[in-house]
Amino acid sequence: MGVTGLTGPTGPTGSAGGTGHTGPSGYHGLTGNTGPTGPRGLTGLTGPTGNTGPTGPTGVTGPTGMTGPGGGIHVPCNGWDYPYFATKSGTYVVAARFVFRGTTALLGSPDSAKFIVSASGSATAAVRLYDVTNGNVIAEVTGITGEAAQVATDATLANLPAGEAVFEVQVKRTAGSGVEEARVHELCLTFEG
């Protein structure tokens, strides 16, 4: 057999073969630790006001307050230059007139008639409250003496009208002489309640 000849040069690299199939996925790794809490977000807008709830029950009635003081109807009787009306007449004369509205409008009757009266010197005086409209005596006080102003009261009023009427305060001198006078300063119809 003859001697083997020299090895010829290497031929060029052949074309790359096709990509092989992808291998199976590896196992999932373990879940990592939870990260830190993020910052608090902004406060949201206030929602609309809800409907008004039902009215609660009525509370217990409180105690009744104290009754106020009684009132009155005041009628001044002034002369020309004096704080009273004076007369020497032996019959009743008019010292003042006023409208009495009636017990219906006044929601009741006065309890008494109080006259501020006096008599000069040794005179004796009498006063009365007279209903001109109906021709009735409402109150009367007689036997008044003394220079000092005093309160003369009639607490037994009669003939008080339910409707409106003209009333007169009347005064007379029942005893005395000369310049001695019977005087009436004021009338007060009292409502004691």
N, C-alpha and C. Protein backbone atom coordinates (compact mmCIF):
# COMPACT_ATOMS: atom_id res chain seq x y z
N MET A 1 0.89 -1.18 0.00
CA MET A 1 0.00 0.00 0.00
C MET A 1 0.90 1.19 0.00
N GLY A 2 0.40 2.30 -0.70
CA GLY A 2 1.24 3.49 -0.78
C GLY A 2 1.10 4.35 0.47
N VAL A 3 1.86 5.45 0.65
CA VAL A 3 1.85 6.40 1.80
C VAL A 3 0.64 7.30 1.66
N THR A 4 -0.01 7.58 2.87
CA THR A 4 -1.19 8.48 2.88
C THR A 4 -0.72 9.88 2.61
N GLY A 5 -1.48 10.57 1.73
CA GLY A 5 -1.09 11.95 1.42
C GLY A 5 -1.46 12.92 2.56
N LEU A 6 -1.06 14.17 2.41
CA LEU A 6 -1.34 15.22 3.42
C LEU A 6 -2.84 15.53 3.45
N THR A 7 -3.31 15.97 4.67
CA THR A 7 -4.74 16.32 4.84
C THR A 7 -4.98 17.65 4.16
N GLY A 8 -6.03 17.71 3.38
CA GLY A 8 -6.34 18.97 2.68
C GLY A 8 -6.89 20.02 3.66
N PRO A 9 -6.98 21.24 3.21
CA PRO A 9 -7.51 22.32 4.08
C PRO A 9 -8.99 22.04 4.43
N THR A 10 -9.40 22.65 5.70
CA THR A 10 -10.79 22.46 6.20
C THR A 10 -11.73 23.27 5.32
N GLY A 11 -12.79 22.70 4.98
CA GLY A 11 -13.78 23.42 4.18
C GLY A 11 -14.52 24.49 5.00
N PRO A 12 -15.22 25.32 4.31
CA PRO A 12 -15.96 26.37 5.03
C PRO A 12 -17.05 25.76 5.95
N THR A 13 -17.39 26.62 7.05
CA THR A 13 -18.37 26.16 8.04
C THR A 13 -19.72 26.10 7.38
N GLY A 14 -20.39 25.07 7.67
CA GLY A 14 -21.72 24.93 7.08
C GLY A 14 -22.74 25.87 7.74
N SER A 15 -23.86 25.95 7.14
CA SER A 15 -24.96 26.80 7.69
C SER A 15 -25.38 26.31 9.07
N ALA A 16 -25.86 27.34 9.93
CA ALA A 16 -26.30 26.98 11.30
C ALA A 16 -27.55 26.14 11.21
N GLY A 17 -27.65 25.22 12.10
CA GLY A 17 -28.85 24.39 12.14
C GLY A 17 -30.03 25.17 12.74
N GLY A 18 -31.18 24.65 12.59
CA GLY A 18 -32.39 25.31 13.14
C GLY A 18 -32.37 25.35 14.67
N THR A 19 -33.09 26.45 15.28
CA THR A 19 -33.16 26.61 16.75
C THR A 19 -33.93 25.45 17.34
N GLY A 20 -33.40 24.92 18.36
CA GLY A 20 -34.08 23.81 19.00
C GLY A 20 -35.32 24.27 19.75
N HIS A 21 -36.17 23.38 20.22
CA HIS A 21 -37.39 23.71 21.00
C HIS A 21 -37.03 24.35 22.33
N THR A 22 -37.92 25.38 22.75
CA THR A 22 -37.70 26.03 24.07
C THR A 22 -37.91 25.02 25.16
N GLY A 23 -37.06 25.05 26.12
CA GLY A 23 -37.16 24.13 27.23
C GLY A 23 -38.32 24.50 28.16
N PRO A 24 -38.75 23.68 29.05
CA PRO A 24 -39.86 23.98 29.98
C PRO A 24 -39.50 25.13 30.92
N SER A 25 -40.61 25.96 31.38
CA SER A 25 -40.37 27.10 32.31
C SER A 25 -39.88 26.57 33.64
N GLY A 26 -39.03 27.34 34.22
CA GLY A 26 -38.55 26.97 35.55
C GLY A 26 -39.64 27.19 36.62
N TYR A 27 -39.47 26.75 37.81
CA TYR A 27 -40.43 26.94 38.92
C TYR A 27 -40.51 28.41 39.32
N HIS A 28 -41.83 28.89 39.81
CA HIS A 28 -41.98 30.26 40.33
C HIS A 28 -41.15 30.43 41.58
N GLY A 29 -40.49 31.56 41.63
CA GLY A 29 -39.76 31.83 42.86
C GLY A 29 -40.70 32.17 44.02
N LEU A 30 -40.22 32.28 45.23
CA LEU A 30 -41.02 32.63 46.42
C LEU A 30 -41.47 34.09 46.35
N THR A 31 -42.73 34.39 46.95
CA THR A 31 -43.23 35.79 47.00
C THR A 31 -42.33 36.62 47.87
N GLY A 32 -42.02 37.81 47.38
CA GLY A 32 -41.16 38.69 48.16
C GLY A 32 -41.91 39.36 49.33
N ASN A 33 -41.22 40.00 50.22
CA ASN A 33 -41.83 40.72 51.36
C ASN A 33 -42.67 41.90 50.87
N THR A 34 -43.78 42.23 51.65
CA THR A 34 -44.63 43.38 51.32
C THR A 34 -43.84 44.66 51.51
N GLY A 35 -43.95 45.55 50.58
CA GLY A 35 -43.23 46.80 50.69
C GLY A 35 -43.87 47.74 51.73
N PRO A 36 -43.25 48.82 52.09
CA PRO A 36 -43.80 49.77 53.09
C PRO A 36 -45.07 50.45 52.56
N THR A 37 -46.00 50.85 53.54
CA THR A 37 -47.24 51.54 53.19
C THR A 37 -46.94 52.91 52.59
N GLY A 38 -47.62 53.23 51.53
CA GLY A 38 -47.40 54.53 50.91
C GLY A 38 -48.04 55.67 51.73
N PRO A 39 -47.81 56.90 51.40
CA PRO A 39 -48.38 58.05 52.14
C PRO A 39 -49.90 58.09 51.99
N ARG A 40 -50.60 58.69 53.08
CA ARG A 40 -52.05 58.83 53.08
C ARG A 40 -52.48 59.79 51.98
N GLY A 41 -53.51 59.40 51.29
CA GLY A 41 -54.01 60.26 50.23
C GLY A 41 -54.79 61.46 50.79
N LEU A 42 -55.16 62.41 49.96
CA LEU A 42 -55.92 63.59 50.37
C LEU A 42 -57.34 63.20 50.79
N THR A 43 -57.91 63.97 51.77
CA THR A 43 -59.28 63.74 52.22
C THR A 43 -60.25 64.04 51.09
N GLY A 44 -61.21 63.17 50.91
CA GLY A 44 -62.19 63.37 49.85
C GLY A 44 -63.17 64.49 50.21
N LEU A 45 -63.99 64.88 49.24
CA LEU A 45 -64.98 65.93 49.44
C LEU A 45 -66.07 65.47 50.41
N THR A 46 -66.62 66.46 51.21
CA THR A 46 -67.71 66.15 52.12
C THR A 46 -68.97 65.80 51.34
N GLY A 47 -69.62 64.77 51.75
CA GLY A 47 -70.84 64.36 51.06
C GLY A 47 -72.00 65.30 51.38
N PRO A 48 -73.10 65.21 50.65
CA PRO A 48 -74.25 66.08 50.89
C PRO A 48 -74.88 65.80 52.26
N THR A 49 -75.51 66.84 52.86
CA THR A 49 -76.18 66.69 54.15
C THR A 49 -77.39 65.77 54.00
N GLY A 50 -77.54 64.90 54.95
CA GLY A 50 -78.67 63.97 54.91
C GLY A 50 -79.98 64.66 55.27
N ASN A 51 -81.06 63.96 55.07
CA ASN A 51 -82.38 64.50 55.41
C ASN A 51 -82.53 64.70 56.92
N THR A 52 -83.36 65.72 57.30
CA THR A 52 -83.63 65.98 58.72
C THR A 52 -84.41 64.81 59.32
N GLY A 53 -83.99 64.39 60.46
CA GLY A 53 -84.67 63.29 61.13
C GLY A 53 -86.02 63.73 61.68
N PRO A 54 -86.81 62.80 62.15
CA PRO A 54 -88.13 63.13 62.70
C PRO A 54 -88.02 63.97 63.97
N THR A 55 -89.04 64.81 64.22
CA THR A 55 -89.07 65.66 65.41
C THR A 55 -89.19 64.79 66.65
N GLY A 56 -88.42 65.12 67.65
CA GLY A 56 -88.47 64.36 68.89
C GLY A 56 -89.75 64.66 69.67
N PRO A 57 -89.99 63.91 70.72
CA PRO A 57 -91.21 64.12 71.51
C PRO A 57 -91.17 65.45 72.27
N THR A 58 -92.35 66.00 72.56
CA THR A 58 -92.44 67.26 73.31
C THR A 58 -91.98 67.03 74.74
N GLY A 59 -91.19 67.97 75.23
CA GLY A 59 -90.69 67.85 76.60
C GLY A 59 -91.78 68.09 77.63
N VAL A 60 -91.43 67.85 78.85
CA VAL A 60 -92.36 68.03 79.97
C VAL A 60 -92.64 69.52 80.17
N THR A 61 -93.89 69.87 80.41
CA THR A 61 -94.27 71.27 80.64
C THR A 61 -93.63 71.77 81.93
N GLY A 62 -93.04 72.96 81.85
CA GLY A 62 -92.42 73.53 83.05
C GLY A 62 -93.45 74.05 84.02
N PRO A 63 -93.01 74.41 85.20
CA PRO A 63 -93.95 74.91 86.22
C PRO A 63 -94.53 76.27 85.83
N THR A 64 -95.72 76.54 86.28
CA THR A 64 -96.38 77.82 86.01
C THR A 64 -95.66 78.93 86.76
N GLY A 65 -95.42 80.06 86.07
CA GLY A 65 -94.75 81.18 86.72
C GLY A 65 -95.64 81.88 87.73
N MET A 66 -95.04 82.77 88.46
CA MET A 66 -95.77 83.51 89.50
C MET A 66 -96.78 84.46 88.86
N THR A 67 -97.91 84.63 89.50
CA THR A 67 -98.91 85.57 89.03
C THR A 67 -98.41 86.99 89.22
N GLY A 68 -98.56 87.82 88.20
CA GLY A 68 -98.12 89.20 88.30
C GLY A 68 -99.04 90.04 89.18
N PRO A 69 -98.59 91.21 89.52
CA PRO A 69 -99.42 92.08 90.37
C PRO A 69 -100.68 92.53 89.64
N GLY A 70 -101.73 92.81 90.41
CA GLY A 70 -102.98 93.27 89.82
C GLY A 70 -102.83 94.64 89.18
N GLY A 71 -103.63 94.90 88.18
CA GLY A 71 -103.58 96.20 87.51
C GLY A 71 -104.70 97.11 87.99
N GLY A 72 -104.92 98.19 87.27
CA GLY A 72 -105.97 99.12 87.67
C GLY A 72 -106.24 100.15 86.60
N ILE A 73 -107.40 100.78 86.69
CA ILE A 73 -107.77 101.90 85.82
C ILE A 73 -107.67 103.16 86.66
N HIS A 74 -106.77 104.06 86.28
CA HIS A 74 -106.53 105.28 87.06
C HIS A 74 -107.17 106.48 86.35
N VAL A 75 -107.93 107.26 87.11
CA VAL A 75 -108.60 108.43 86.56
C VAL A 75 -108.25 109.63 87.44
N PRO A 76 -107.37 110.53 86.98
CA PRO A 76 -107.04 111.72 87.78
C PRO A 76 -108.19 112.73 87.76
N CYS A 77 -108.32 113.47 88.85
CA CYS A 77 -109.38 114.49 88.98
C CYS A 77 -108.71 115.80 89.38
N ASN A 78 -108.32 116.60 88.41
CA ASN A 78 -107.56 117.81 88.68
C ASN A 78 -108.42 119.05 88.50
N GLY A 79 -108.19 120.03 89.39
CA GLY A 79 -108.83 121.33 89.23
C GLY A 79 -107.96 122.24 88.38
N TRP A 80 -108.30 123.53 88.38
CA TRP A 80 -107.55 124.48 87.56
C TRP A 80 -106.09 124.54 87.96
N ASP A 81 -105.84 124.73 89.23
CA ASP A 81 -104.46 124.94 89.70
C ASP A 81 -104.06 123.96 90.80
N TYR A 82 -104.85 122.94 91.03
CA TYR A 82 -104.60 122.03 92.14
C TYR A 82 -104.65 120.58 91.65
N PRO A 83 -103.96 119.68 92.38
CA PRO A 83 -103.97 118.26 91.98
C PRO A 83 -105.21 117.53 92.50
N TYR A 84 -106.33 118.24 92.55
CA TYR A 84 -107.60 117.64 92.98
C TYR A 84 -108.74 118.50 92.44
N PHE A 85 -109.95 117.92 92.45
CA PHE A 85 -111.15 118.68 92.11
C PHE A 85 -111.89 118.96 93.40
N ALA A 86 -112.28 120.21 93.60
CA ALA A 86 -112.92 120.62 94.85
C ALA A 86 -114.29 121.25 94.58
N THR A 87 -115.19 121.08 95.55
CA THR A 87 -116.53 121.69 95.42
C THR A 87 -117.08 122.01 96.81
N LYS A 88 -117.97 123.00 96.84
CA LYS A 88 -118.73 123.33 98.05
C LYS A 88 -120.19 122.93 97.88
N SER A 89 -120.51 122.31 96.75
CA SER A 89 -121.90 121.95 96.45
C SER A 89 -122.39 120.83 97.36
N GLY A 90 -123.65 120.94 97.72
CA GLY A 90 -124.28 119.89 98.53
C GLY A 90 -124.89 118.79 97.69
N THR A 91 -124.81 118.89 96.36
CA THR A 91 -125.26 117.82 95.47
C THR A 91 -124.06 117.38 94.62
N TYR A 92 -124.14 116.18 94.15
CA TYR A 92 -123.00 115.64 93.41
C TYR A 92 -122.71 116.46 92.15
N VAL A 93 -121.40 116.75 91.96
CA VAL A 93 -120.93 117.42 90.74
C VAL A 93 -119.86 116.54 90.10
N VAL A 94 -119.65 116.74 88.80
CA VAL A 94 -118.73 115.88 88.04
C VAL A 94 -117.29 116.37 88.21
N ALA A 95 -116.42 115.45 88.66
CA ALA A 95 -115.00 115.76 88.78
C ALA A 95 -114.20 115.23 87.59
N ALA A 96 -114.69 114.14 86.97
CA ALA A 96 -113.99 113.55 85.82
C ALA A 96 -114.93 112.60 85.11
N ARG A 97 -114.69 112.42 83.81
CA ARG A 97 -115.44 111.45 83.00
C ARG A 97 -114.43 110.55 82.28
N PHE A 98 -114.83 109.29 82.06
CA PHE A 98 -113.98 108.38 81.30
C PHE A 98 -114.84 107.27 80.72
N VAL A 99 -114.26 106.55 79.77
CA VAL A 99 -114.95 105.43 79.14
C VAL A 99 -114.62 104.15 79.91
N PHE A 100 -115.65 103.48 80.41
CA PHE A 100 -115.50 102.14 80.97
C PHE A 100 -115.81 101.17 79.85
N ARG A 101 -114.88 100.33 79.49
CA ARG A 101 -115.02 99.48 78.29
C ARG A 101 -115.99 98.33 78.47
N GLY A 102 -116.36 98.02 79.68
CA GLY A 102 -117.29 96.93 79.93
C GLY A 102 -116.57 95.68 80.40
N THR A 103 -117.26 94.89 81.21
CA THR A 103 -116.63 93.70 81.78
C THR A 103 -116.30 92.65 80.71
N THR A 104 -117.01 92.66 79.60
CA THR A 104 -116.71 91.71 78.54
C THR A 104 -115.35 92.02 77.90
N ALA A 105 -115.16 93.27 77.51
CA ALA A 105 -113.90 93.66 76.89
C ALA A 105 -112.73 93.59 77.87
N LEU A 106 -113.01 93.85 79.14
CA LEU A 106 -111.95 93.83 80.16
C LEU A 106 -111.67 92.43 80.68
N LEU A 107 -112.45 91.45 80.21
CA LEU A 107 -112.28 90.05 80.61
C LEU A 107 -112.45 89.86 82.11
N GLY A 108 -113.36 90.64 82.69
CA GLY A 108 -113.62 90.50 84.12
C GLY A 108 -114.07 91.81 84.72
N SER A 109 -114.38 91.76 86.02
CA SER A 109 -114.87 92.95 86.72
C SER A 109 -113.81 93.46 87.69
N PRO A 110 -113.73 94.78 87.87
CA PRO A 110 -112.83 95.31 88.89
C PRO A 110 -113.28 94.87 90.28
N ASP A 111 -112.34 94.79 91.21
CA ASP A 111 -112.64 94.31 92.56
C ASP A 111 -113.06 95.42 93.50
N SER A 112 -112.57 96.63 93.26
CA SER A 112 -112.91 97.73 94.17
C SER A 112 -112.70 99.06 93.47
N ALA A 113 -113.32 100.08 94.05
CA ALA A 113 -113.09 101.47 93.62
C ALA A 113 -112.39 102.18 94.76
N LYS A 114 -111.21 102.70 94.48
CA LYS A 114 -110.43 103.41 95.50
C LYS A 114 -110.33 104.89 95.09
N PHE A 115 -110.84 105.75 95.94
CA PHE A 115 -110.81 107.19 95.70
C PHE A 115 -109.75 107.81 96.61
N ILE A 116 -108.93 108.72 96.06
CA ILE A 116 -108.09 109.56 96.91
C ILE A 116 -108.89 110.83 97.17
N VAL A 117 -109.17 111.10 98.44
CA VAL A 117 -110.09 112.18 98.81
C VAL A 117 -109.55 112.97 100.00
N SER A 118 -110.16 114.14 100.25
CA SER A 118 -109.88 114.94 101.44
C SER A 118 -111.00 115.96 101.60
N ALA A 119 -111.03 116.60 102.75
CA ALA A 119 -112.04 117.63 103.01
C ALA A 119 -111.38 118.73 103.82
N SER A 120 -111.56 119.99 103.41
CA SER A 120 -110.91 121.10 104.11
C SER A 120 -111.73 121.52 105.33
N GLY A 121 -111.03 122.10 106.30
CA GLY A 121 -111.71 122.59 107.50
C GLY A 121 -112.47 121.47 108.20
N SER A 122 -113.70 121.78 108.57
CA SER A 122 -114.56 120.79 109.25
C SER A 122 -115.57 120.17 108.29
N ALA A 123 -115.32 120.29 107.00
CA ALA A 123 -116.25 119.75 106.01
C ALA A 123 -116.25 118.22 106.03
N THR A 124 -117.37 117.68 105.56
CA THR A 124 -117.50 116.23 105.34
C THR A 124 -117.82 116.03 103.87
N ALA A 125 -117.17 115.02 103.27
CA ALA A 125 -117.31 114.81 101.83
C ALA A 125 -117.88 113.42 101.53
N ALA A 126 -118.41 113.29 100.31
CA ALA A 126 -118.85 112.01 99.77
C ALA A 126 -118.44 111.94 98.31
N VAL A 127 -118.09 110.75 97.84
CA VAL A 127 -117.72 110.54 96.44
C VAL A 127 -118.45 109.31 95.92
N ARG A 128 -118.64 109.30 94.62
CA ARG A 128 -119.23 108.11 94.03
C ARG A 128 -118.77 107.96 92.58
N LEU A 129 -118.94 106.74 92.08
CA LEU A 129 -118.69 106.43 90.67
C LEU A 129 -120.04 106.14 90.05
N TYR A 130 -120.37 106.88 88.99
CA TYR A 130 -121.71 106.84 88.43
C TYR A 130 -121.66 106.46 86.96
N ASP A 131 -122.52 105.52 86.57
CA ASP A 131 -122.66 105.09 85.18
C ASP A 131 -123.71 105.98 84.50
N VAL A 132 -123.23 106.95 83.71
CA VAL A 132 -124.13 107.89 83.05
C VAL A 132 -124.96 107.19 81.98
N THR A 133 -124.36 106.29 81.25
CA THR A 133 -125.04 105.61 80.14
C THR A 133 -126.26 104.83 80.62
N ASN A 134 -126.11 104.13 81.74
CA ASN A 134 -127.18 103.25 82.23
C ASN A 134 -127.90 103.78 83.46
N GLY A 135 -127.45 104.95 83.98
CA GLY A 135 -128.13 105.57 85.11
C GLY A 135 -127.99 104.79 86.41
N ASN A 136 -126.79 104.25 86.68
CA ASN A 136 -126.59 103.43 87.89
C ASN A 136 -125.40 103.92 88.72
N VAL A 137 -125.52 103.81 90.05
CA VAL A 137 -124.40 104.05 90.95
C VAL A 137 -123.56 102.78 91.01
N ILE A 138 -122.26 102.92 90.77
CA ILE A 138 -121.35 101.78 90.78
C ILE A 138 -120.68 101.63 92.14
N ALA A 139 -120.25 102.73 92.73
CA ALA A 139 -119.56 102.72 94.02
C ALA A 139 -119.79 104.06 94.71
N GLU A 140 -119.74 104.05 96.06
CA GLU A 140 -119.96 105.30 96.81
C GLU A 140 -119.33 105.18 98.18
N VAL A 141 -118.68 106.28 98.61
CA VAL A 141 -118.10 106.35 99.95
C VAL A 141 -118.54 107.69 100.54
N THR A 142 -119.05 107.66 101.77
CA THR A 142 -119.52 108.88 102.45
C THR A 142 -118.77 109.06 103.77
N GLY A 143 -119.02 110.20 104.43
CA GLY A 143 -118.44 110.46 105.75
C GLY A 143 -116.95 110.72 105.74
N ILE A 144 -116.45 111.34 104.68
CA ILE A 144 -115.01 111.59 104.56
C ILE A 144 -114.67 112.92 105.22
N THR A 145 -113.67 112.90 106.12
CA THR A 145 -113.22 114.12 106.79
C THR A 145 -111.70 114.15 106.82
N GLY A 146 -111.14 115.35 107.01
CA GLY A 146 -109.69 115.48 107.16
C GLY A 146 -109.03 116.13 105.97
N GLU A 147 -108.07 117.03 106.29
CA GLU A 147 -107.35 117.77 105.25
C GLU A 147 -106.37 116.88 104.46
N ALA A 148 -105.82 115.86 105.11
CA ALA A 148 -104.81 115.03 104.45
C ALA A 148 -105.46 114.12 103.42
N ALA A 149 -104.77 113.94 102.29
CA ALA A 149 -105.27 113.02 101.27
C ALA A 149 -105.30 111.60 101.84
N GLN A 150 -106.37 110.90 101.57
CA GLN A 150 -106.57 109.56 102.12
C GLN A 150 -107.25 108.69 101.08
N VAL A 151 -107.16 107.37 101.25
CA VAL A 151 -107.80 106.43 100.33
C VAL A 151 -109.12 105.98 100.93
N ALA A 152 -110.20 106.19 100.19
CA ALA A 152 -111.53 105.74 100.58
C ALA A 152 -111.94 104.64 99.61
N THR A 153 -112.26 103.44 100.12
CA THR A 153 -112.48 102.27 99.27
C THR A 153 -113.91 101.76 99.37
N ASP A 154 -114.48 101.44 98.23
CA ASP A 154 -115.74 100.69 98.16
C ASP A 154 -115.43 99.39 97.43
N ALA A 155 -115.48 98.26 98.18
CA ALA A 155 -115.16 96.96 97.61
C ALA A 155 -116.40 96.16 97.24
N THR A 156 -117.57 96.81 97.27
CA THR A 156 -118.81 96.11 96.91
C THR A 156 -119.41 96.79 95.69
N LEU A 157 -118.71 96.69 94.58
CA LEU A 157 -119.16 97.34 93.35
C LEU A 157 -120.44 96.68 92.83
N ALA A 158 -121.33 97.52 92.31
CA ALA A 158 -122.62 97.02 91.81
C ALA A 158 -122.89 97.59 90.42
N ASN A 159 -123.75 96.89 89.69
CA ASN A 159 -124.27 97.39 88.40
C ASN A 159 -123.21 97.59 87.33
N LEU A 160 -122.13 96.83 87.39
CA LEU A 160 -121.09 96.98 86.36
C LEU A 160 -121.63 96.48 85.02
N PRO A 161 -121.58 97.31 83.99
CA PRO A 161 -122.14 96.91 82.69
C PRO A 161 -121.19 96.00 81.91
N ALA A 162 -121.79 95.11 81.13
CA ALA A 162 -120.98 94.23 80.27
C ALA A 162 -120.43 95.00 79.07
N GLY A 163 -121.18 96.00 78.61
CA GLY A 163 -120.77 96.78 77.45
C GLY A 163 -120.17 98.12 77.83
N GLU A 164 -119.77 98.86 76.82
CA GLU A 164 -119.13 100.15 77.01
C GLU A 164 -120.09 101.18 77.59
N ALA A 165 -119.57 102.04 78.48
CA ALA A 165 -120.42 103.07 79.11
C ALA A 165 -119.56 104.26 79.51
N VAL A 166 -120.22 105.43 79.64
CA VAL A 166 -119.56 106.63 80.16
C VAL A 166 -119.72 106.63 81.67
N PHE A 167 -118.58 106.69 82.38
CA PHE A 167 -118.59 106.77 83.84
C PHE A 167 -118.17 108.17 84.28
N GLU A 168 -118.70 108.59 85.42
CA GLU A 168 -118.31 109.87 86.03
C GLU A 168 -117.84 109.64 87.46
N VAL A 169 -116.77 110.36 87.84
CA VAL A 169 -116.38 110.48 89.24
C VAL A 169 -117.08 111.73 89.76
N GLN A 170 -117.88 111.58 90.80
CA GLN A 170 -118.67 112.70 91.34
C GLN A 170 -118.33 112.91 92.82
N VAL A 171 -118.41 114.17 93.26
CA VAL A 171 -118.09 114.51 94.64
C VAL A 171 -119.05 115.58 95.14
N LYS A 172 -119.31 115.58 96.46
CA LYS A 172 -120.14 116.62 97.05
C LYS A 172 -119.73 116.85 98.50
N ARG A 173 -120.10 118.02 99.03
CA ARG A 173 -119.88 118.33 100.44
C ARG A 173 -121.18 118.03 101.17
N THR A 174 -121.13 117.13 102.13
CA THR A 174 -122.34 116.77 102.88
C THR A 174 -122.47 117.55 104.18
N ALA A 175 -121.39 118.18 104.62
CA ALA A 175 -121.43 119.05 105.81
C ALA A 175 -120.30 120.05 105.68
N GLY A 176 -120.47 121.21 106.32
CA GLY A 176 -119.47 122.26 106.23
C GLY A 176 -120.11 123.56 105.81
N SER A 177 -119.32 124.62 105.84
CA SER A 177 -119.87 125.93 105.49
C SER A 177 -118.77 126.81 104.91
N GLY A 178 -119.17 127.94 104.36
CA GLY A 178 -118.23 128.91 103.83
C GLY A 178 -117.34 128.32 102.76
N VAL A 179 -116.01 128.49 102.96
CA VAL A 179 -115.05 128.07 101.95
C VAL A 179 -114.62 126.61 102.11
N GLU A 180 -115.17 125.91 103.06
CA GLU A 180 -114.78 124.51 103.27
C GLU A 180 -115.19 123.66 102.06
N GLU A 181 -114.29 122.76 101.66
CA GLU A 181 -114.48 122.04 100.41
C GLU A 181 -114.45 120.52 100.60
N ALA A 182 -115.12 119.86 99.70
CA ALA A 182 -114.95 118.41 99.50
C ALA A 182 -114.04 118.23 98.30
N ARG A 183 -113.07 117.31 98.39
CA ARG A 183 -112.06 117.19 97.34
C ARG A 183 -111.89 115.72 96.93
N VAL A 184 -111.69 115.52 95.63
CA VAL A 184 -111.33 114.19 95.13
C VAL A 184 -110.12 114.36 94.22
N HIS A 185 -109.10 113.54 94.45
CA HIS A 185 -107.83 113.64 93.73
C HIS A 185 -107.73 112.64 92.57
N GLU A 186 -108.22 111.42 92.83
CA GLU A 186 -108.07 110.37 91.83
C GLU A 186 -109.00 109.21 92.14
N LEU A 187 -109.36 108.47 91.10
CA LEU A 187 -110.06 107.20 91.24
C LEU A 187 -109.18 106.10 90.67
N CYS A 188 -109.17 104.95 91.35
CA CYS A 188 -108.49 103.77 90.82
C CYS A 188 -109.44 102.58 90.93
N LEU A 189 -109.79 101.98 89.78
CA LEU A 189 -110.54 100.73 89.77
C LEU A 189 -109.50 99.61 89.76
N THR A 190 -109.51 98.78 90.80
CA THR A 190 -108.47 97.78 90.96
C THR A 190 -108.90 96.41 90.44
N PHE A 191 -107.93 95.67 89.88
CA PHE A 191 -108.12 94.29 89.45
C PHE A 191 -107.07 93.46 90.20
N GLU A 192 -107.53 92.73 91.20
CA GLU A 192 -106.59 92.02 92.05
C GLU A 192 -106.16 90.68 91.45
N GLY A 193 -106.91 90.19 90.43
CA GLY A 193 -106.54 88.92 89.81
C GLY A 193 -106.94 87.82 90.66
